[in-house]
């Protein structure tokens, strides 16, 4: 059971970093620091979009429209943090 909880925390950490990298890449593209016409940048951006959009889409329906500000990555990070804290707090009780 401990292996399952540790694996779940590991996967949540990977998702955390995917969301962070995706947000940073979107900023770099928005401020024209990176060029979307570059094949490598386009491939990485498309892969990150495909990985993160299923998490963002339901949240974007619920969150208010703030113009150019997208709060869905922040909400996803808060949810991941909450799940990790649940595992850390109540994981030992599941092992009994």
C-alpha atoms as a PDB file:
ATOM      1  CA  UNK A   1       0.000   0.000   0.000  1.00  0.00           C
ATOM      2  CA  UNK A   2       2.894   2.349   0.737  1.00  0.00           C
ATOM      3  CA  UNK A   3       4.254   1.782  -2.768  1.00  0.00           C
ATOM      4  CA  UNK A   4       0.923   2.859  -4.263  1.00  0.00           C
ATOM      5  CA  UNK A   5       0.854   6.058  -2.198  1.00  0.00           C
ATOM      6  CA  UNK A   6       4.464   6.876  -3.063  1.00  0.00           C
ATOM      7  CA  UNK A   7       3.766   6.274  -6.749  1.00  0.00           C
ATOM      8  CA  UNK A   8       0.716   8.527  -6.576  1.00  0.00           C
ATOM      9  CA  UNK A   9       2.778  11.309  -4.969  1.00  0.00           C
ATOM     10  CA  UNK A  10       5.440  10.826  -7.660  1.00  0.00           C
ATOM     11  CA  UNK A  11       2.842  11.142 -10.440  1.00  0.00           C
ATOM     12  CA  UNK A  12       1.401  14.259  -8.786  1.00  0.00           C
ATOM     13  CA  UNK A  13       4.907  15.761  -8.697  1.00  0.00           C
ATOM     14  CA  UNK A  14       5.329  15.062 -12.414  1.00  0.00           C
ATOM     15  CA  UNK A  15       1.975  16.684 -13.182  1.00  0.00           C
ATOM     16  CA  UNK A  16       2.988  19.656 -11.005  1.00  0.00           C
ATOM     17  CA  UNK A  17       6.118  20.207 -13.104  1.00  0.00           C
ATOM     18  CA  UNK A  18       4.235  19.748 -16.377  1.00  0.00           C
ATOM     19  CA  UNK A  19       1.808  22.498 -15.347  1.00  0.00           C
ATOM     20  CA  UNK A  20       4.646  24.819 -14.254  1.00  0.00           C
ATOM     21  CA  UNK A  21       6.635  24.278 -17.470  1.00  0.00           C
ATOM     22  CA  UNK A  22       3.494  24.765 -19.541  1.00  0.00           C
ATOM     23  CA  UNK A  23       2.726  28.073 -17.829  1.00  0.00           C
ATOM     24  CA  UNK A  24       6.289  29.330 -18.258  1.00  0.00           C
ATOM     25  CA  UNK A  25       6.316  28.288 -21.919  1.00  0.00           C
ATOM     26  CA  UNK A  26       3.025  30.085 -22.534  1.00  0.00           C
ATOM     27  CA  UNK A  27       4.515  33.260 -21.034  1.00  0.00           C
ATOM     28  CA  UNK A  28       7.637  32.926 -23.176  1.00  0.00           C
ATOM     29  CA  UNK A  29       5.475  32.530 -26.273  1.00  0.00           C
ATOM     30  CA  UNK A  30       3.178  35.407 -25.301  1.00  0.00           C
ATOM     31  CA  UNK A  31       6.092  37.809 -24.847  1.00  0.00           C
ATOM     32  CA  UNK A  32       7.758  36.667 -28.101  1.00  0.00           C
ATOM     33  CA  UNK A  33      10.849  35.365 -26.350  1.00  0.00           C
ATOM     34  CA  UNK A  34      10.359  32.024 -28.096  1.00  0.00           C
ATOM     35  CA  UNK A  35       9.151  31.696 -31.663  1.00  0.00           C
ATOM     36  CA  UNK A  36       6.239  29.328 -32.256  1.00  0.00           C
ATOM     37  CA  UNK A  37       7.397  28.832 -35.865  1.00  0.00           C
ATOM     38  CA  UNK A  38      10.417  26.898 -34.579  1.00  0.00           C
ATOM     39  CA  UNK A  39       9.670  23.175 -34.971  1.00  0.00           C
ATOM     40  CA  UNK A  40      11.072  22.180 -31.570  1.00  0.00           C
ATOM     41  CA  UNK A  41       9.191  24.935 -29.723  1.00  0.00           C
ATOM     42  CA  UNK A  42       5.984  24.079 -31.569  1.00  0.00           C
ATOM     43  CA  UNK A  43       6.353  20.365 -30.765  1.00  0.00           C
ATOM     44  CA  UNK A  44       6.998  21.000 -27.072  1.00  0.00           C
ATOM     45  CA  UNK A  45       4.167  23.544 -26.850  1.00  0.00           C
ATOM     46  CA  UNK A  46       1.708  21.195 -28.559  1.00  0.00           C
ATOM     47  CA  UNK A  47       2.709  18.282 -26.308  1.00  0.00           C
ATOM     48  CA  UNK A  48       2.284  20.395 -23.182  1.00  0.00           C
ATOM     49  CA  UNK A  49      -1.045  21.708 -24.468  1.00  0.00           C
ATOM     50  CA  UNK A  50      -2.313  18.170 -25.028  1.00  0.00           C
ATOM     51  CA  UNK A  51      -1.166  17.133 -21.550  1.00  0.00           C
ATOM     52  CA  UNK A  52      -2.625  20.106 -19.675  1.00  0.00           C
ATOM     53  CA  UNK A  53      -5.777  21.010 -21.574  1.00  0.00           C
ATOM     54  CA  UNK A  54      -7.864  18.084 -20.191  1.00  0.00           C
ATOM     55  CA  UNK A  55      -7.137  19.428 -16.694  1.00  0.00           C
ATOM     56  CA  UNK A  56      -7.786  23.066 -17.598  1.00  0.00           C
ATOM     57  CA  UNK A  57     -10.952  22.731 -19.684  1.00  0.00           C
ATOM     58  CA  UNK A  58     -13.387  21.835 -16.852  1.00  0.00           C
ATOM     59  CA  UNK A  59     -11.921  24.569 -14.671  1.00  0.00           C
ATOM     60  CA  UNK A  60     -12.228  27.202 -17.398  1.00  0.00           C
ATOM     61  CA  UNK A  61     -15.951  26.504 -17.586  1.00  0.00           C
ATOM     62  CA  UNK A  62     -16.309  27.276 -13.868  1.00  0.00           C
ATOM     63  CA  UNK A  63     -13.813  30.111 -13.418  1.00  0.00           C
ATOM     64  CA  UNK A  64     -14.858  33.640 -14.376  1.00  0.00           C
ATOM     65  CA  UNK A  65     -13.436  35.179 -17.530  1.00  0.00           C
ATOM     66  CA  UNK A  66     -10.709  37.621 -16.499  1.00  0.00           C
ATOM     67  CA  UNK A  67      -9.677  38.643 -19.994  1.00  0.00           C
ATOM     68  CA  UNK A  68      -6.085  37.680 -20.701  1.00  0.00           C
ATOM     69  CA  UNK A  69      -5.467  36.144 -17.269  1.00  0.00           C
ATOM     70  CA  UNK A  70      -5.892  32.384 -17.037  1.00  0.00           C
ATOM     71  CA  UNK A  71      -6.159  31.133 -13.468  1.00  0.00           C
ATOM     72  CA  UNK A  72      -6.692  27.474 -14.350  1.00  0.00           C
ATOM     73  CA  UNK A  73      -2.985  26.496 -13.951  1.00  0.00           C
ATOM     74  CA  UNK A  74      -2.979  28.041 -10.487  1.00  0.00           C
ATOM     75  CA  UNK A  75      -6.144  26.155  -9.529  1.00  0.00           C
ATOM     76  CA  UNK A  76      -4.653  22.888 -10.810  1.00  0.00           C
ATOM     77  CA  UNK A  77      -1.528  23.477  -8.724  1.00  0.00           C
ATOM     78  CA  UNK A  78      -3.655  24.141  -5.630  1.00  0.00           C
ATOM     79  CA  UNK A  79      -5.617  20.927  -6.240  1.00  0.00           C
ATOM     80  CA  UNK A  80      -2.387  18.948  -6.646  1.00  0.00           C
ATOM     81  CA  UNK A  81      -1.038  20.451  -3.426  1.00  0.00           C
ATOM     82  CA  UNK A  82      -4.274  19.556  -1.626  1.00  0.00           C
ATOM     83  CA  UNK A  83      -4.125  15.950  -2.863  1.00  0.00           C
ATOM     84  CA  UNK A  84      -0.494  15.629  -1.804  1.00  0.00           C
ATOM     85  CA  UNK A  85      -1.319  16.936   1.657  1.00  0.00           C
ATOM     86  CA  UNK A  86      -4.179  14.454   1.946  1.00  0.00           C
ATOM     87  CA  UNK A  87      -1.818  11.625   1.084  1.00  0.00           C
ATOM     88  CA  UNK A  88       0.818  12.838   3.561  1.00  0.00           C
ATOM     89  CA  UNK A  89      -1.703  13.347   6.370  1.00  0.00           C
ATOM     90  CA  UNK A  90      -3.961  10.321   5.942  1.00  0.00           C
ATOM     91  CA  UNK A  91      -1.704   7.891   4.114  1.00  0.00           C
ATOM     92  CA  UNK A  92      -0.306   6.411   7.324  1.00  0.00           C
ATOM     93  CA  UNK A  93      -3.854   5.724   8.548  1.00  0.00           C
ATOM     94  CA  UNK A  94      -4.597   3.786   5.370  1.00  0.00           C
ATOM     95  CA  UNK A  95      -1.627   1.533   6.050  1.00  0.00           C
ATOM     96  CA  UNK A  96      -2.982   0.295   9.387  1.00  0.00           C
END
